[in-house]
């Protein structure tokens, strides 16, 4: 479904005359990129366009979004990072309310996926004002909705170890420092069971609704967030090998091209581990579980986005600078050793 609804939300109903109304905007004042008052300054400059709801504790963004949707708001805007966005998505799930995004976090993965400008609040708001709507799939991991991706094991452990304070101070580097700590831990053993009967084994699992992970890295190269399928990566090796193989796979055009990773698409699957392991959805840690069930939430999310997605500028630039070739034959030799 693709249409335009933001204009409807921006038209007053008290008279036949069009005039700006205030979009309800859920705001996370703790998001790192708001340092220096960038977002606060933007909101002040556009104070007549927003009714701001600032969150004070975890889960409040979800509650606010659900309340606004129940009140019949046509559009709800979120200004924050992927964690705040995930809460708002959870609150809007199953409603007719359309999501607008003002990226204001560390990675802004979903905004990048949808082609929403992540480096300019003015341009992101211009996208909202144009009001072009796309529908995307929503999935669940043990009942927790996610719109971009989810992880079981290593990457969730990194998120679990990364504190808000370190993210505020160091930005993306905070995840790298946490990863160094997690790399030395003994990995769990996992079994992956798909709805179609396929089985696999590994030490860590990533599931992508969209193609991007960790910013502008295209981990799930076949992903389409409108095909009702998850793209799944199952890692066979842990520790530094997991990281090196991920980097090597990205360099050669696909993480699944290295021998230590399997890649498949499925509508639903279950992960069973030999102990409780950390799980994250959209970059937010949700707990530790010995069994994680992934499935379609049966709801779809309506999102205001550009009519044509932006190109993956960072990944393409990096690839061009390093002149990485697609050397698939050599990787195939690695598989056969």
C-alpha atoms as a PDB file:
ATOM      1  CA  UNK A   1       0.000   0.000   0.000  1.00  0.00           C
ATOM      2  CA  UNK A   2       1.410   3.364  -0.996  1.00  0.00           C
ATOM      3  CA  UNK A   3      -0.440   6.643  -0.524  1.00  0.00           C
ATOM      4  CA  UNK A   4      -0.182  10.062   1.014  1.00  0.00           C
ATOM      5  CA  UNK A   5      -1.583  10.761   4.450  1.00  0.00           C
ATOM      6  CA  UNK A   6       0.623  13.386   6.061  1.00  0.00           C
ATOM      7  CA  UNK A   7      -1.217  16.160   4.274  1.00  0.00           C
ATOM      8  CA  UNK A   8      -4.438  14.904   5.818  1.00  0.00           C
ATOM      9  CA  UNK A   9      -2.784  15.088   9.216  1.00  0.00           C
ATOM     10  CA  UNK A  10      -1.565  18.613   8.541  1.00  0.00           C
ATOM     11  CA  UNK A  11      -4.972  20.033   7.650  1.00  0.00           C
ATOM     12  CA  UNK A  12      -7.122  21.566  10.386  1.00  0.00           C
ATOM     13  CA  UNK A  13     -10.664  20.226  10.690  1.00  0.00           C
ATOM     14  CA  UNK A  14     -12.244  23.286  12.299  1.00  0.00           C
ATOM     15  CA  UNK A  15     -12.721  25.110   8.990  1.00  0.00           C
ATOM     16  CA  UNK A  16     -12.351  24.534   5.303  1.00  0.00           C
ATOM     17  CA  UNK A  17      -9.153  26.520   5.346  1.00  0.00           C
ATOM     18  CA  UNK A  18      -5.849  24.652   5.416  1.00  0.00           C
ATOM     19  CA  UNK A  19      -3.484  25.540   8.234  1.00  0.00           C
ATOM     20  CA  UNK A  20      -0.633  23.720   9.918  1.00  0.00           C
ATOM     21  CA  UNK A  21      -1.476  21.537  12.898  1.00  0.00           C
ATOM     22  CA  UNK A  22       0.891  19.987  15.391  1.00  0.00           C
ATOM     23  CA  UNK A  23       2.160  16.506  14.752  1.00  0.00           C
ATOM     24  CA  UNK A  24       2.387  14.431  17.943  1.00  0.00           C
ATOM     25  CA  UNK A  25       6.107  13.765  18.386  1.00  0.00           C
ATOM     26  CA  UNK A  26       7.630  11.272  20.815  1.00  0.00           C
ATOM     27  CA  UNK A  27      11.045  12.480  21.830  1.00  0.00           C
ATOM     28  CA  UNK A  28      13.899  10.687  23.569  1.00  0.00           C
ATOM     29  CA  UNK A  29      16.049  13.404  25.191  1.00  0.00           C
ATOM     30  CA  UNK A  30      18.733  10.817  26.005  1.00  0.00           C
ATOM     31  CA  UNK A  31      19.629   9.872  22.417  1.00  0.00           C
ATOM     32  CA  UNK A  32      23.320  10.535  21.786  1.00  0.00           C
ATOM     33  CA  UNK A  33      23.054  12.670  18.651  1.00  0.00           C
ATOM     34  CA  UNK A  34      20.944  15.180  20.520  1.00  0.00           C
ATOM     35  CA  UNK A  35      24.182  16.187  22.299  1.00  0.00           C
ATOM     36  CA  UNK A  36      24.793  19.872  21.800  1.00  0.00           C
ATOM     37  CA  UNK A  37      21.101  20.609  21.504  1.00  0.00           C
ATOM     38  CA  UNK A  38      20.784  19.777  17.798  1.00  0.00           C
ATOM     39  CA  UNK A  39      17.378  18.138  18.087  1.00  0.00           C
ATOM     40  CA  UNK A  40      16.154  20.456  20.806  1.00  0.00           C
ATOM     41  CA  UNK A  41      17.137  23.370  18.603  1.00  0.00           C
ATOM     42  CA  UNK A  42      15.239  21.885  15.678  1.00  0.00           C
ATOM     43  CA  UNK A  43      12.133  21.349  17.790  1.00  0.00           C
ATOM     44  CA  UNK A  44      12.275  24.913  19.076  1.00  0.00           C
ATOM     45  CA  UNK A  45      12.634  26.246  15.550  1.00  0.00           C
ATOM     46  CA  UNK A  46       9.533  24.261  14.540  1.00  0.00           C
ATOM     47  CA  UNK A  47       7.604  24.545  17.798  1.00  0.00           C
ATOM     48  CA  UNK A  48       4.342  25.337  16.018  1.00  0.00           C
ATOM     49  CA  UNK A  49       4.463  22.028  14.122  1.00  0.00           C
ATOM     50  CA  UNK A  50       4.873  19.562  17.005  1.00  0.00           C
ATOM     51  CA  UNK A  51       3.144  18.519  20.188  1.00  0.00           C
ATOM     52  CA  UNK A  52       6.160  17.051  21.984  1.00  0.00           C
ATOM     53  CA  UNK A  53       5.971  14.061  24.342  1.00  0.00           C
ATOM     54  CA  UNK A  54       9.342  13.546  26.055  1.00  0.00           C
ATOM     55  CA  UNK A  55      10.027  10.094  27.478  1.00  0.00           C
ATOM     56  CA  UNK A  56      11.437   9.647  30.963  1.00  0.00           C
ATOM     57  CA  UNK A  57      11.781   5.881  31.326  1.00  0.00           C
ATOM     58  CA  UNK A  58      12.021   2.657  29.331  1.00  0.00           C
ATOM     59  CA  UNK A  59       8.694   1.599  27.858  1.00  0.00           C
ATOM     60  CA  UNK A  60       7.120   5.047  27.977  1.00  0.00           C
ATOM     61  CA  UNK A  61       7.474   5.619  24.236  1.00  0.00           C
ATOM     62  CA  UNK A  62       5.477   2.439  23.625  1.00  0.00           C
ATOM     63  CA  UNK A  63       2.738   3.583  26.002  1.00  0.00           C
ATOM     64  CA  UNK A  64       2.564   7.041  24.433  1.00  0.00           C
ATOM     65  CA  UNK A  65       2.413   5.647  20.889  1.00  0.00           C
ATOM     66  CA  UNK A  66      -0.377   3.229  21.800  1.00  0.00           C
ATOM     67  CA  UNK A  67      -2.344   6.019  23.484  1.00  0.00           C
ATOM     68  CA  UNK A  68      -1.968   8.351  20.504  1.00  0.00           C
ATOM     69  CA  UNK A  69      -2.968   5.604  18.077  1.00  0.00           C
ATOM     70  CA  UNK A  70      -6.032   4.792  20.184  1.00  0.00           C
ATOM     71  CA  UNK A  71      -6.959   8.477  20.078  1.00  0.00           C
ATOM     72  CA  UNK A  72      -7.053   8.266  16.290  1.00  0.00           C
ATOM     73  CA  UNK A  73      -3.931  10.240  15.383  1.00  0.00           C
ATOM     74  CA  UNK A  74      -3.225   9.881  11.668  1.00  0.00           C
ATOM     75  CA  UNK A  75       0.545  10.311  12.091  1.00  0.00           C
ATOM     76  CA  UNK A  76       2.897   9.908  15.048  1.00  0.00           C
ATOM     77  CA  UNK A  77       6.514  11.050  14.721  1.00  0.00           C
ATOM     78  CA  UNK A  78       9.414   9.568  16.674  1.00  0.00           C
ATOM     79  CA  UNK A  79      12.600  11.581  17.282  1.00  0.00           C
ATOM     80  CA  UNK A  80      15.275   9.325  18.723  1.00  0.00           C
ATOM     81  CA  UNK A  81      17.419   6.309  17.993  1.00  0.00           C
ATOM     82  CA  UNK A  82      16.527   2.773  16.970  1.00  0.00           C
ATOM     83  CA  UNK A  83      15.619   1.837  20.551  1.00  0.00           C
ATOM     84  CA  UNK A  84      13.018   4.574  20.884  1.00  0.00           C
ATOM     85  CA  UNK A  85      11.780   3.790  17.390  1.00  0.00           C
ATOM     86  CA  UNK A  86      11.300   0.135  18.329  1.00  0.00           C
ATOM     87  CA  UNK A  87       9.160   1.142  21.315  1.00  0.00           C
ATOM     88  CA  UNK A  88       7.004   3.412  19.156  1.00  0.00           C
ATOM     89  CA  UNK A  89       6.642   0.679  16.543  1.00  0.00           C
ATOM     90  CA  UNK A  90       5.462  -1.690  19.282  1.00  0.00           C
ATOM     91  CA  UNK A  91       2.877   0.867  20.389  1.00  0.00           C
ATOM     92  CA  UNK A  92       1.584   1.482  16.868  1.00  0.00           C
ATOM     93  CA  UNK A  93       1.461  -2.205  15.849  1.00  0.00           C
ATOM     94  CA  UNK A  94      -2.026  -3.176  14.731  1.00  0.00           C
ATOM     95  CA  UNK A  95      -3.245   0.400  14.382  1.00  0.00           C
ATOM     96  CA  UNK A  96      -3.946   2.570  11.336  1.00  0.00           C
ATOM     97  CA  UNK A  97      -1.581   5.297  12.550  1.00  0.00           C
ATOM     98  CA  UNK A  98       1.305   6.117  10.242  1.00  0.00           C
ATOM     99  CA  UNK A  99       4.879   6.444  11.573  1.00  0.00           C
ATOM    100  CA  UNK A 100       7.090   9.426  10.796  1.00  0.00           C
ATOM    101  CA  UNK A 101      10.807   9.252  11.649  1.00  0.00           C
ATOM    102  CA  UNK A 102      13.242  11.998  12.648  1.00  0.00           C
ATOM    103  CA  UNK A 103      16.527  10.064  13.073  1.00  0.00           C
ATOM    104  CA  UNK A 104      18.323  11.144  16.242  1.00  0.00           C
ATOM    105  CA  UNK A 105      20.300   8.141  17.469  1.00  0.00           C
ATOM    106  CA  UNK A 106      23.688   6.509  17.138  1.00  0.00           C
ATOM    107  CA  UNK A 107      23.080   4.200  14.158  1.00  0.00           C
ATOM    108  CA  UNK A 108      19.608   5.069  12.775  1.00  0.00           C
ATOM    109  CA  UNK A 109      19.529   1.762  10.903  1.00  0.00           C
ATOM    110  CA  UNK A 110      15.820   1.742  10.041  1.00  0.00           C
ATOM    111  CA  UNK A 111      15.939   5.306   8.741  1.00  0.00           C
ATOM    112  CA  UNK A 112      18.842   4.342   6.468  1.00  0.00           C
ATOM    113  CA  UNK A 113      16.948   1.251   5.321  1.00  0.00           C
ATOM    114  CA  UNK A 114      13.921   3.343   4.321  1.00  0.00           C
ATOM    115  CA  UNK A 115      16.012   6.040   2.630  1.00  0.00           C
ATOM    116  CA  UNK A 116      15.066   8.662   5.235  1.00  0.00           C
ATOM    117  CA  UNK A 117      17.839  11.285   5.563  1.00  0.00           C
ATOM    118  CA  UNK A 118      19.714  10.410   8.762  1.00  0.00           C
ATOM    119  CA  UNK A 119      22.101  13.377   8.729  1.00  0.00           C
ATOM    120  CA  UNK A 120      19.622  16.239   8.393  1.00  0.00           C
ATOM    121  CA  UNK A 121      16.531  16.745  10.510  1.00  0.00           C
ATOM    122  CA  UNK A 122      15.285  19.383   8.072  1.00  0.00           C
ATOM    123  CA  UNK A 123      15.399  16.944   5.164  1.00  0.00           C
ATOM    124  CA  UNK A 124      13.880  14.147   7.241  1.00  0.00           C
ATOM    125  CA  UNK A 125      10.999  16.434   8.188  1.00  0.00           C
ATOM    126  CA  UNK A 126      10.567  17.403   4.531  1.00  0.00           C
ATOM    127  CA  UNK A 127      10.007  13.690   3.820  1.00  0.00           C
ATOM    128  CA  UNK A 128       7.274  13.628   6.471  1.00  0.00           C
ATOM    129  CA  UNK A 129       5.652  16.748   5.017  1.00  0.00           C
ATOM    130  CA  UNK A 130       5.516  15.115   1.564  1.00  0.00           C
ATOM    131  CA  UNK A 131       3.646  12.217   3.161  1.00  0.00           C
ATOM    132  CA  UNK A 132       4.474   9.253   0.918  1.00  0.00           C
ATOM    133  CA  UNK A 133       3.603   6.048   2.797  1.00  0.00           C
ATOM    134  CA  UNK A 134       5.092   2.568   2.511  1.00  0.00           C
ATOM    135  CA  UNK A 135       3.948  -0.596   4.275  1.00  0.00           C
ATOM    136  CA  UNK A 136       6.594  -2.871   5.782  1.00  0.00           C
ATOM    137  CA  UNK A 137       6.487  -6.221   7.557  1.00  0.00           C
ATOM    138  CA  UNK A 138       6.609  -6.595  11.317  1.00  0.00           C
ATOM    139  CA  UNK A 139       8.038  -9.672  13.020  1.00  0.00           C
ATOM    140  CA  UNK A 140       8.251 -10.857  16.619  1.00  0.00           C
ATOM    141  CA  UNK A 141      10.904 -12.558  18.744  1.00  0.00           C
ATOM    142  CA  UNK A 142       9.224 -14.162  21.750  1.00  0.00           C
ATOM    143  CA  UNK A 143       6.428 -11.638  21.402  1.00  0.00           C
ATOM    144  CA  UNK A 144       8.664  -8.550  21.074  1.00  0.00           C
ATOM    145  CA  UNK A 145       8.002  -6.755  17.755  1.00  0.00           C
ATOM    146  CA  UNK A 146      10.843  -5.656  15.497  1.00  0.00           C
ATOM    147  CA  UNK A 147      10.916  -3.907  12.165  1.00  0.00           C
ATOM    148  CA  UNK A 148      14.595  -4.079  11.119  1.00  0.00           C
ATOM    149  CA  UNK A 149      16.493  -7.007  12.613  1.00  0.00           C
ATOM    150  CA  UNK A 150      17.065  -9.205  15.655  1.00  0.00           C
ATOM    151  CA  UNK A 151      19.970 -11.181  17.081  1.00  0.00           C
ATOM    152  CA  UNK A 152      20.540 -14.172  19.334  1.00  0.00           C
ATOM    153  CA  UNK A 153      23.919 -14.642  21.014  1.00  0.00           C
ATOM    154  CA  UNK A 154      26.991 -12.593  20.172  1.00  0.00           C
ATOM    155  CA  UNK A 155      25.549  -9.295  18.942  1.00  0.00           C
ATOM    156  CA  UNK A 156      22.892  -9.275  21.681  1.00  0.00           C
ATOM    157  CA  UNK A 157      25.644  -9.906  24.247  1.00  0.00           C
ATOM    158  CA  UNK A 158      27.509  -6.870  22.909  1.00  0.00           C
ATOM    159  CA  UNK A 159      24.377  -4.746  23.291  1.00  0.00           C
ATOM    160  CA  UNK A 160      23.824  -6.151  26.780  1.00  0.00           C
ATOM    161  CA  UNK A 161      27.355  -5.062  27.735  1.00  0.00           C
ATOM    162  CA  UNK A 162      27.071  -1.582  26.187  1.00  0.00           C
ATOM    163  CA  UNK A 163      25.829   0.980  28.692  1.00  0.00           C
ATOM    164  CA  UNK A 164      23.883   4.123  27.875  1.00  0.00           C
ATOM    165  CA  UNK A 165      26.669   6.174  29.424  1.00  0.00           C
ATOM    166  CA  UNK A 166      29.301   4.644  27.145  1.00  0.00           C
ATOM    167  CA  UNK A 167      27.121   5.218  24.061  1.00  0.00           C
ATOM    168  CA  UNK A 168      26.608   8.832  25.040  1.00  0.00           C
ATOM    169  CA  UNK A 169      30.350   9.336  25.523  1.00  0.00           C
ATOM    170  CA  UNK A 170      31.821   7.171  22.751  1.00  0.00           C
ATOM    171  CA  UNK A 171      29.074   6.627  20.200  1.00  0.00           C
ATOM    172  CA  UNK A 172      29.621   3.545  17.957  1.00  0.00           C
ATOM    173  CA  UNK A 173      33.023   2.946  19.577  1.00  0.00           C
ATOM    174  CA  UNK A 174      31.188   1.849  22.724  1.00  0.00           C
ATOM    175  CA  UNK A 175      29.933  -1.244  20.870  1.00  0.00           C
ATOM    176  CA  UNK A 176      33.444  -2.083  19.712  1.00  0.00           C
ATOM    177  CA  UNK A 177      34.792  -1.996  23.262  1.00  0.00           C
ATOM    178  CA  UNK A 178      31.944  -4.210  24.472  1.00  0.00           C
ATOM    179  CA  UNK A 179      32.601  -6.621  21.601  1.00  0.00           C
ATOM    180  CA  UNK A 180      36.236  -7.066  22.659  1.00  0.00           C
ATOM    181  CA  UNK A 181      35.005  -8.198  26.067  1.00  0.00           C
ATOM    182  CA  UNK A 182      32.378 -10.587  24.670  1.00  0.00           C
ATOM    183  CA  UNK A 183      34.755 -12.154  22.123  1.00  0.00           C
ATOM    184  CA  UNK A 184      36.614 -14.040  24.841  1.00  0.00           C
ATOM    185  CA  UNK A 185      33.529 -15.763  26.254  1.00  0.00           C
ATOM    186  CA  UNK A 186      32.627 -19.406  25.627  1.00  0.00           C
ATOM    187  CA  UNK A 187      29.930 -19.457  22.899  1.00  0.00           C
ATOM    188  CA  UNK A 188      26.627 -21.309  23.293  1.00  0.00           C
ATOM    189  CA  UNK A 189      25.474 -24.126  21.058  1.00  0.00           C
ATOM    190  CA  UNK A 190      22.313 -23.349  19.097  1.00  0.00           C
ATOM    191  CA  UNK A 191      19.908 -25.309  16.938  1.00  0.00           C
ATOM    192  CA  UNK A 192      17.784 -23.461  14.369  1.00  0.00           C
ATOM    193  CA  UNK A 193      14.495 -25.070  13.346  1.00  0.00           C
ATOM    194  CA  UNK A 194      12.525 -23.523  10.460  1.00  0.00           C
ATOM    195  CA  UNK A 195       8.805 -23.713   9.782  1.00  0.00           C
ATOM    196  CA  UNK A 196       9.487 -25.763   6.641  1.00  0.00           C
ATOM    197  CA  UNK A 197      11.485 -28.368   8.594  1.00  0.00           C
ATOM    198  CA  UNK A 198      14.963 -27.115   7.735  1.00  0.00           C
ATOM    199  CA  UNK A 199      17.488 -27.416  10.585  1.00  0.00           C
ATOM    200  CA  UNK A 200      20.840 -25.803  11.167  1.00  0.00           C
ATOM    201  CA  UNK A 201      23.359 -25.417  13.987  1.00  0.00           C
ATOM    202  CA  UNK A 202      25.641 -22.604  15.079  1.00  0.00           C
ATOM    203  CA  UNK A 203      26.821 -20.303  17.864  1.00  0.00           C
ATOM    204  CA  UNK A 204      25.024 -17.060  16.935  1.00  0.00           C
ATOM    205  CA  UNK A 205      22.018 -16.053  14.824  1.00  0.00           C
ATOM    206  CA  UNK A 206      20.980 -12.832  13.086  1.00  0.00           C
ATOM    207  CA  UNK A 207      17.553 -12.309  11.508  1.00  0.00           C
ATOM    208  CA  UNK A 208      16.915  -9.442   9.106  1.00  0.00           C
ATOM    209  CA  UNK A 209      13.612  -7.987   7.987  1.00  0.00           C
ATOM    210  CA  UNK A 210      15.574  -5.281   6.202  1.00  0.00           C
ATOM    211  CA  UNK A 211      18.962  -5.561   4.546  1.00  0.00           C
ATOM    212  CA  UNK A 212      21.053  -3.325   6.841  1.00  0.00           C
ATOM    213  CA  UNK A 213      22.806  -4.029  10.121  1.00  0.00           C
ATOM    214  CA  UNK A 214      24.907  -1.790  12.362  1.00  0.00           C
ATOM    215  CA  UNK A 215      24.401   1.316  10.259  1.00  0.00           C
ATOM    216  CA  UNK A 216      24.999   1.046   6.538  1.00  0.00           C
ATOM    217  CA  UNK A 217      26.341  -2.528   6.332  1.00  0.00           C
ATOM    218  CA  UNK A 218      24.291  -4.749   4.039  1.00  0.00           C
ATOM    219  CA  UNK A 219      24.372  -8.025   5.974  1.00  0.00           C
ATOM    220  CA  UNK A 220      21.161  -9.444   4.468  1.00  0.00           C
ATOM    221  CA  UNK A 221      21.716  -8.943   0.756  1.00  0.00           C
ATOM    222  CA  UNK A 222      18.473 -10.637  -0.381  1.00  0.00           C
ATOM    223  CA  UNK A 223      16.215  -9.025   2.211  1.00  0.00           C
ATOM    224  CA  UNK A 224      12.982  -7.249   1.310  1.00  0.00           C
ATOM    225  CA  UNK A 225      10.944  -5.858   4.204  1.00  0.00           C
ATOM    226  CA  UNK A 226       7.727  -6.393   2.260  1.00  0.00           C
ATOM    227  CA  UNK A 227       8.113 -10.083   1.351  1.00  0.00           C
ATOM    228  CA  UNK A 228       6.829 -11.583   4.651  1.00  0.00           C
ATOM    229  CA  UNK A 229      10.140 -13.416   5.122  1.00  0.00           C
ATOM    230  CA  UNK A 230      13.098 -13.119   7.441  1.00  0.00           C
ATOM    231  CA  UNK A 231      16.641 -13.450   6.132  1.00  0.00           C
ATOM    232  CA  UNK A 232      18.641 -15.564   8.594  1.00  0.00           C
ATOM    233  CA  UNK A 233      22.406 -15.780   9.141  1.00  0.00           C
ATOM    234  CA  UNK A 234      23.686 -18.684  11.253  1.00  0.00           C
ATOM    235  CA  UNK A 235      27.288 -18.338  12.396  1.00  0.00           C
ATOM    236  CA  UNK A 236      29.270 -21.554  12.886  1.00  0.00           C
ATOM    237  CA  UNK A 237      32.372 -19.974  14.416  1.00  0.00           C
ATOM    238  CA  UNK A 238      32.695 -17.754  17.500  1.00  0.00           C
ATOM    239  CA  UNK A 239      35.202 -15.218  18.792  1.00  0.00           C
ATOM    240  CA  UNK A 240      37.459 -13.283  16.451  1.00  0.00           C
ATOM    241  CA  UNK A 241      36.669 -15.690  13.608  1.00  0.00           C
ATOM    242  CA  UNK A 242      33.039 -14.535  13.694  1.00  0.00           C
ATOM    243  CA  UNK A 243      34.076 -10.898  13.336  1.00  0.00           C
ATOM    244  CA  UNK A 244      36.746 -11.525  10.710  1.00  0.00           C
ATOM    245  CA  UNK A 245      34.442 -13.684   8.603  1.00  0.00           C
ATOM    246  CA  UNK A 246      31.758 -10.990   8.758  1.00  0.00           C
ATOM    247  CA  UNK A 247      34.231  -8.384   7.521  1.00  0.00           C
ATOM    248  CA  UNK A 248      35.571 -10.736   4.870  1.00  0.00           C
ATOM    249  CA  UNK A 249      32.059 -11.547   3.686  1.00  0.00           C
ATOM    250  CA  UNK A 250      31.167  -7.868   3.404  1.00  0.00           C
ATOM    251  CA  UNK A 251      34.344  -7.286   1.397  1.00  0.00           C
ATOM    252  CA  UNK A 252      33.454 -10.023  -1.088  1.00  0.00           C
ATOM    253  CA  UNK A 253      29.822  -9.016  -1.509  1.00  0.00           C
ATOM    254  CA  UNK A 254      27.966 -11.186   1.021  1.00  0.00           C
ATOM    255  CA  UNK A 255      28.516 -12.589   4.490  1.00  0.00           C
ATOM    256  CA  UNK A 256      26.956 -15.857   3.350  1.00  0.00           C
ATOM    257  CA  UNK A 257      29.818 -16.327   0.862  1.00  0.00           C
ATOM    258  CA  UNK A 258      32.202 -17.427   3.613  1.00  0.00           C
ATOM    259  CA  UNK A 259      32.241 -21.050   4.723  1.00  0.00           C
ATOM    260  CA  UNK A 260      31.477 -20.382   8.400  1.00  0.00           C
ATOM    261  CA  UNK A 261      28.063 -18.742   7.792  1.00  0.00           C
ATOM    262  CA  UNK A 262      24.830 -20.124   6.364  1.00  0.00           C
ATOM    263  CA  UNK A 263      22.117 -17.886   4.937  1.00  0.00           C
ATOM    264  CA  UNK A 264      18.481 -18.696   4.196  1.00  0.00           C
ATOM    265  CA  UNK A 265      15.023 -17.129   4.095  1.00  0.00           C
ATOM    266  CA  UNK A 266      12.043 -18.334   6.092  1.00  0.00           C
ATOM    267  CA  UNK A 267       8.657 -17.145   7.313  1.00  0.00           C
ATOM    268  CA  UNK A 268       9.203 -18.404  10.867  1.00  0.00           C
ATOM    269  CA  UNK A 269      11.842 -20.259  12.882  1.00  0.00           C
ATOM    270  CA  UNK A 270      12.896 -21.192  16.403  1.00  0.00           C
ATOM    271  CA  UNK A 271      16.314 -21.012  18.044  1.00  0.00           C
ATOM    272  CA  UNK A 272      17.098 -23.453  20.876  1.00  0.00           C
ATOM    273  CA  UNK A 273      20.270 -22.945  22.896  1.00  0.00           C
ATOM    274  CA  UNK A 274      22.092 -25.091  25.433  1.00  0.00           C
ATOM    275  CA  UNK A 275      21.682 -22.278  27.967  1.00  0.00           C
ATOM    276  CA  UNK A 276      19.964 -18.926  28.310  1.00  0.00           C
ATOM    277  CA  UNK A 277      21.443 -16.507  25.785  1.00  0.00           C
ATOM    278  CA  UNK A 278      20.913 -12.761  25.229  1.00  0.00           C
ATOM    279  CA  UNK A 279      18.420 -11.618  22.588  1.00  0.00           C
ATOM    280  CA  UNK A 280      18.003  -8.202  20.971  1.00  0.00           C
ATOM    281  CA  UNK A 281      15.436  -6.667  18.636  1.00  0.00           C
ATOM    282  CA  UNK A 282      16.199  -3.526  16.617  1.00  0.00           C
ATOM    283  CA  UNK A 283      19.329  -3.029  18.710  1.00  0.00           C
ATOM    284  CA  UNK A 284      17.545  -3.259  22.072  1.00  0.00           C
ATOM    285  CA  UNK A 285      18.311  -6.053  24.541  1.00  0.00           C
ATOM    286  CA  UNK A 286      15.081  -7.824  25.592  1.00  0.00           C
ATOM    287  CA  UNK A 287      16.414 -10.542  27.907  1.00  0.00           C
ATOM    288  CA  UNK A 288      17.974 -13.993  28.031  1.00  0.00           C
ATOM    289  CA  UNK A 289      16.190 -17.110  26.762  1.00  0.00           C
ATOM    290  CA  UNK A 290      17.016 -20.717  25.999  1.00  0.00           C
ATOM    291  CA  UNK A 291      14.365 -20.762  23.248  1.00  0.00           C
ATOM    292  CA  UNK A 292      13.463 -17.910  20.899  1.00  0.00           C
ATOM    293  CA  UNK A 293      10.514 -18.083  18.506  1.00  0.00           C
ATOM    294  CA  UNK A 294      10.527 -15.808  15.462  1.00  0.00           C
ATOM    295  CA  UNK A 295       7.317 -15.256  13.527  1.00  0.00           C
ATOM    296  CA  UNK A 296       5.308 -12.723  11.523  1.00  0.00           C
ATOM    297  CA  UNK A 297       3.336 -10.435  13.831  1.00  0.00           C
ATOM    298  CA  UNK A 298       0.371 -10.463  11.364  1.00  0.00           C
ATOM    299  CA  UNK A 299       0.463  -6.643  11.454  1.00  0.00           C
ATOM    300  CA  UNK A 300       2.138  -4.350   8.959  1.00  0.00           C
ATOM    301  CA  UNK A 301       3.595  -0.951   9.731  1.00  0.00           C
ATOM    302  CA  UNK A 302       2.844   2.163   7.697  1.00  0.00           C
ATOM    303  CA  UNK A 303       5.879   4.439   7.441  1.00  0.00           C
ATOM    304  CA  UNK A 304       6.380   7.817   5.779  1.00  0.00           C
ATOM    305  CA  UNK A 305       9.418   7.481   3.512  1.00  0.00           C
ATOM    306  CA  UNK A 306      10.869   8.880   0.291  1.00  0.00           C
ATOM    307  CA  UNK A 307       9.302   7.552  -2.893  1.00  0.00           C
ATOM    308  CA  UNK A 308      12.743   6.352  -4.033  1.00  0.00           C
ATOM    309  CA  UNK A 309      15.163   4.864  -1.424  1.00  0.00           C
ATOM    310  CA  UNK A 310      18.524   6.575  -1.104  1.00  0.00           C
ATOM    311  CA  UNK A 311      21.592   4.668  -2.223  1.00  0.00           C
ATOM    312  CA  UNK A 312      23.800   3.084   0.395  1.00  0.00           C
ATOM    313  CA  UNK A 313      26.321   5.899   0.316  1.00  0.00           C
ATOM    314  CA  UNK A 314      28.636   4.733   3.098  1.00  0.00           C
ATOM    315  CA  UNK A 315      28.932   1.136   1.935  1.00  0.00           C
ATOM    316  CA  UNK A 316      29.395   2.093  -1.692  1.00  0.00           C
ATOM    317  CA  UNK A 317      32.025   4.713  -0.868  1.00  0.00           C
ATOM    318  CA  UNK A 318      33.931   2.310   1.365  1.00  0.00           C
ATOM    319  CA  UNK A 319      33.837  -0.397  -1.262  1.00  0.00           C
ATOM    320  CA  UNK A 320      35.062   1.994  -3.929  1.00  0.00           C
ATOM    321  CA  UNK A 321      37.911   3.334  -1.803  1.00  0.00           C
ATOM    322  CA  UNK A 322      39.190  -0.104  -0.907  1.00  0.00           C
ATOM    323  CA  UNK A 323      38.479  -1.518  -4.385  1.00  0.00           C
ATOM    324  CA  UNK A 324      37.105  -4.752  -2.978  1.00  0.00           C
ATOM    325  CA  UNK A 325      36.427  -7.301  -5.757  1.00  0.00           C
ATOM    326  CA  UNK A 326      33.848 -10.039  -5.647  1.00  0.00           C
ATOM    327  CA  UNK A 327      36.193 -13.024  -5.489  1.00  0.00           C
ATOM    328  CA  UNK A 328      33.604 -15.716  -5.080  1.00  0.00           C
ATOM    329  CA  UNK A 329      35.690 -18.563  -6.590  1.00  0.00           C
ATOM    330  CA  UNK A 330      38.355 -18.214  -3.877  1.00  0.00           C
ATOM    331  CA  UNK A 331      35.683 -18.341  -1.190  1.00  0.00           C
ATOM    332  CA  UNK A 332      34.272 -21.468  -2.754  1.00  0.00           C
ATOM    333  CA  UNK A 333      37.689 -23.048  -2.414  1.00  0.00           C
ATOM    334  CA  UNK A 334      37.580 -22.198   1.283  1.00  0.00           C
ATOM    335  CA  UNK A 335      34.268 -24.016   1.574  1.00  0.00           C
ATOM    336  CA  UNK A 336      35.748 -27.175   0.116  1.00  0.00           C
ATOM    337  CA  UNK A 337      38.706 -27.457   2.496  1.00  0.00           C
END
